[in-house]
Amino acid sequence: MALAYLAWEQIFLEERVLIVGRRLERRILRDGQNPFELPNDEFMGAFRLSQQLVINIIDALRTQEYSPKKIHVM
């Protein structure tokens, strides 16, 4: 019984180590590199949007003309 519990505990801890390691990798990638290098499922988990949708949004925003409005103070 105790051996079964220890085996289960070891599996659980190994899984937690992997999760924490992936979280750290994602944070490092997000902070210093291109987030589009993430696998699509991890990208969606981090940003709640698919990579293709984000690319489409960026392209749509780039094609719009930017004209800042001047603020007139009385």
Protein backbone atom coordinates (compact mmCIF):
# COMPACT_ATOMS: atom_id res chain seq x y z
CA MET A 1 0.00 0.00 0.00
CA ALA A 2 2.77 2.44 0.94
CA LEU A 3 4.73 1.56 -2.20
CA ALA A 4 1.70 2.28 -4.37
CA TYR A 5 1.27 5.64 -2.69
CA LEU A 6 4.95 6.49 -3.15
CA ALA A 7 4.79 5.50 -6.82
CA TRP A 8 1.72 7.69 -7.32
CA GLU A 9 3.39 10.57 -5.46
CA GLN A 10 6.51 10.27 -7.63
CA ILE A 11 4.43 10.39 -10.82
CA PHE A 12 2.53 13.39 -9.50
CA LEU A 13 5.73 15.25 -8.56
CA GLU A 14 7.36 14.51 -11.92
CA GLU A 15 4.31 15.90 -13.69
CA ARG A 16 4.40 19.05 -11.53
CA VAL A 17 8.10 19.52 -12.34
CA LEU A 18 7.29 19.31 -16.06
CA ILE A 19 4.43 21.80 -15.72
CA VAL A 20 6.56 24.29 -13.80
CA GLY A 21 9.40 23.84 -16.29
CA ARG A 22 7.08 24.53 -19.24
CA ARG A 23 5.64 27.57 -17.46
CA LEU A 24 9.15 28.94 -16.94
CA GLU A 25 10.07 28.26 -20.58
CA ARG A 26 6.94 30.06 -21.77
CA ARG A 27 7.67 33.04 -19.53
CA ILE A 28 11.25 33.29 -20.80
CA LEU A 29 10.08 32.94 -24.39
CA ARG A 30 7.30 35.50 -23.91
CA ASP A 31 9.66 37.98 -22.27
CA GLY A 32 12.61 37.76 -24.61
CA GLN A 33 11.75 36.05 -27.86
CA ASN A 34 9.14 35.52 -30.51
CA PRO A 35 5.94 34.06 -29.00
CA PHE A 36 5.03 32.71 -32.44
CA GLU A 37 7.68 30.05 -31.89
CA LEU A 38 5.42 28.40 -29.30
CA PRO A 39 3.36 25.40 -30.40
CA ASN A 40 -0.16 26.53 -31.31
CA ASP A 41 -1.82 24.88 -28.28
CA GLU A 42 0.60 26.59 -25.86
CA PHE A 43 0.18 29.89 -27.73
CA MET A 44 -3.59 29.59 -27.34
CA GLY A 45 -3.18 28.77 -23.66
CA ALA A 46 -1.07 31.87 -23.10
CA PHE A 47 -2.91 34.37 -25.30
CA ARG A 48 -6.40 32.84 -25.74
CA LEU A 49 -6.17 33.35 -29.52
CA SER A 50 -4.75 31.17 -32.27
CA GLN A 51 -1.51 32.18 -33.92
CA GLN A 52 -3.21 32.59 -37.29
CA LEU A 53 -5.89 34.87 -35.84
CA VAL A 54 -3.25 37.07 -34.21
CA ILE A 55 -1.33 37.25 -37.50
CA ASN A 56 -4.53 38.25 -39.30
CA ILE A 57 -5.25 40.97 -36.71
CA ILE A 58 -1.70 42.33 -37.01
CA ASP A 59 -1.96 42.38 -40.80
CA ALA A 60 -5.31 44.17 -40.65
CA LEU A 61 -3.92 46.79 -38.27
CA ARG A 62 -0.83 47.33 -40.40
CA THR A 63 -2.90 48.03 -43.50
CA GLN A 64 -4.92 50.75 -41.78
CA GLU A 65 -3.56 54.25 -42.04
CA TYR A 66 -2.49 55.78 -38.78
CA SER A 67 -3.34 59.44 -38.39
CA PRO A 68 -2.87 60.76 -34.88
CA LYS A 69 -5.38 63.39 -33.90
CA LYS A 70 -4.08 66.66 -32.61
CA ILE A 71 -5.45 67.80 -29.31
CA HIS A 72 -6.29 71.50 -29.21
CA VAL A 73 -6.14 73.13 -25.82
CA MET A 74 -8.18 76.29 -25.32
